[in-house]
Amino acid sequence: QVQLVESGGGLVQAGDSLRLSCAASGTIFSINPMGWYRQTPGKQRELVAAIFSGGSTNYADSVKGRFTISRDNAKKTVYLQMNSLKPEDTAVYYCYYGLRPYWGQGTQVTVSS
């Protein structure tokens, strides 16, 4: 069984930075993808960033150039560095692992203007 625990969310002002972390427990294989989705009330969960085996990444167009995803396989942790935050980045951010996938409980990010 895989469990994911996110941390690092909070309330910041536009232009600030935050770093989200997602620590996994259980059996994790580096070949499987990890990443982040986000969701706001009334909207579908949307992909923010993903990282695949070998280190290749994928980003939503809205965050390209501002967010960076990285992964430490030894620590079974995925990170999301978020710079130049905008009010429209406000959402609950969910970590995921694998193709099934497994989900974390979510962490709130609020960006004030």
Protein backbone atom coordinates (compact mmCIF):
# COMPACT_ATOMS: atom_id res chain seq x y z
CA GLN A 1 0.00 0.00 0.00
CA VAL A 2 1.29 3.42 -0.96
CA GLN A 3 0.57 6.52 1.09
CA LEU A 4 1.37 10.06 0.04
CA VAL A 5 1.64 13.03 2.38
CA GLU A 6 1.88 16.56 0.99
CA SER A 7 3.26 19.57 2.80
CA GLY A 8 4.33 23.12 2.06
CA GLY A 9 1.08 24.79 1.15
CA GLY A 10 -0.01 28.10 2.62
CA LEU A 11 -1.10 31.66 2.07
CA VAL A 12 1.23 33.89 0.08
CA GLN A 13 1.09 37.07 -1.95
CA ALA A 14 1.25 37.31 -5.72
CA GLY A 15 4.85 37.05 -6.88
CA ASP A 16 5.94 34.93 -3.94
CA SER A 17 7.27 31.39 -4.03
CA LEU A 18 6.30 28.14 -2.36
CA ARG A 19 7.77 24.67 -2.39
CA LEU A 20 5.46 21.71 -2.07
CA SER A 21 6.72 18.32 -0.97
CA CYS A 22 5.11 14.92 -1.25
CA ALA A 23 6.61 12.08 0.74
CA ALA A 24 5.64 8.54 -0.17
CA SER A 25 5.62 5.48 2.03
CA GLY A 26 5.37 1.89 0.92
CA THR A 27 6.88 0.30 -2.15
CA ILE A 28 7.74 2.93 -4.74
CA PHE A 29 9.25 2.25 -8.14
CA SER A 30 11.15 5.01 -9.85
CA ILE A 31 9.86 3.80 -13.20
CA ASN A 32 6.39 5.02 -12.28
CA PRO A 33 5.43 8.65 -12.71
CA MET A 34 4.79 11.09 -9.90
CA GLY A 35 3.36 14.53 -10.08
CA TRP A 36 0.89 17.15 -9.04
CA TYR A 37 -2.68 18.03 -9.88
CA ARG A 38 -4.72 20.93 -8.57
CA GLN A 39 -8.40 21.58 -8.10
CA THR A 40 -10.59 24.57 -7.37
CA PRO A 41 -14.25 24.40 -6.31
CA GLY A 42 -16.57 23.54 -9.17
CA LYS A 43 -13.77 22.59 -11.53
CA GLN A 44 -12.16 19.35 -12.58
CA ARG A 45 -8.80 18.36 -11.21
CA GLU A 46 -6.11 19.48 -13.66
CA LEU A 47 -2.56 18.31 -14.21
CA VAL A 48 0.06 20.78 -13.05
CA ALA A 49 3.28 18.84 -13.53
CA ALA A 50 4.53 15.28 -13.85
CA ILE A 51 7.92 13.62 -13.74
CA PHE A 52 8.71 10.30 -15.37
CA SER A 53 11.47 7.72 -15.19
CA GLY A 54 14.67 9.18 -16.57
CA GLY A 55 13.69 12.62 -15.36
CA SER A 56 11.52 13.79 -18.22
CA THR A 57 8.83 16.25 -17.20
CA ASN A 58 5.53 17.61 -18.37
CA TYR A 59 3.88 20.89 -17.35
CA ALA A 60 0.58 22.60 -17.82
CA ASP A 61 0.95 25.57 -20.14
CA SER A 62 -0.23 27.89 -17.38
CA VAL A 63 2.75 27.06 -15.14
CA LYS A 64 5.56 26.59 -17.65
CA GLY A 65 8.54 28.76 -16.78
CA ARG A 66 7.27 29.33 -13.23
CA PHE A 67 6.97 25.86 -11.67
CA THR A 68 9.61 23.16 -11.49
CA ILE A 69 9.00 19.55 -10.54
CA SER A 70 11.75 17.36 -9.18
CA ARG A 71 12.04 13.97 -7.55
CA ASP A 72 14.36 12.33 -5.04
CA ASN A 73 13.96 8.58 -5.46
CA ALA A 74 16.11 7.79 -2.43
CA LYS A 75 13.76 9.84 -0.24
CA LYS A 76 10.66 8.74 -2.17
CA THR A 77 9.71 12.39 -2.41
CA VAL A 78 8.52 14.64 -5.21
CA TYR A 79 8.74 18.41 -5.04
CA LEU A 80 7.03 21.29 -6.78
CA GLN A 81 8.87 24.59 -6.71
CA MET A 82 6.38 27.33 -7.49
CA ASN A 83 7.72 30.77 -8.34
CA SER A 84 6.01 33.98 -9.43
CA LEU A 85 2.74 32.77 -7.98
CA LYS A 86 -0.49 34.27 -9.28
CA PRO A 87 -3.95 34.45 -7.69
CA GLU A 88 -5.16 31.97 -10.34
CA ASP A 89 -2.76 29.40 -8.88
CA THR A 90 -4.98 29.24 -5.81
CA ALA A 91 -6.17 25.65 -5.44
CA VAL A 92 -5.83 22.45 -3.49
CA TYR A 93 -2.74 20.68 -4.79
CA TYR A 94 -2.73 16.90 -4.87
CA CYS A 95 0.28 14.66 -5.25
CA TYR A 96 -0.07 11.43 -7.19
CA TYR A 97 2.01 8.33 -7.82
CA GLY A 98 1.86 5.67 -10.46
CA LEU A 99 -0.61 4.72 -13.16
CA ARG A 100 -3.38 3.61 -10.80
CA PRO A 101 -2.82 6.32 -9.36
CA TYR A 102 -2.45 6.81 -5.62
CA TRP A 103 -3.37 10.27 -4.26
CA GLY A 104 -2.34 12.39 -1.34
CA GLN A 105 -4.82 14.23 0.84
CA GLY A 106 -4.10 17.60 -0.74
CA THR A 107 -2.55 20.83 0.46
CA GLN A 108 -4.13 24.26 0.09
CA VAL A 109 -2.27 26.98 -1.77
CA THR A 110 -3.79 30.46 -1.60
CA VAL A 111 -2.29 33.39 -3.48
CA SER A 112 -3.60 36.83 -2.63
CA SER A 113 -3.43 39.74 -5.05
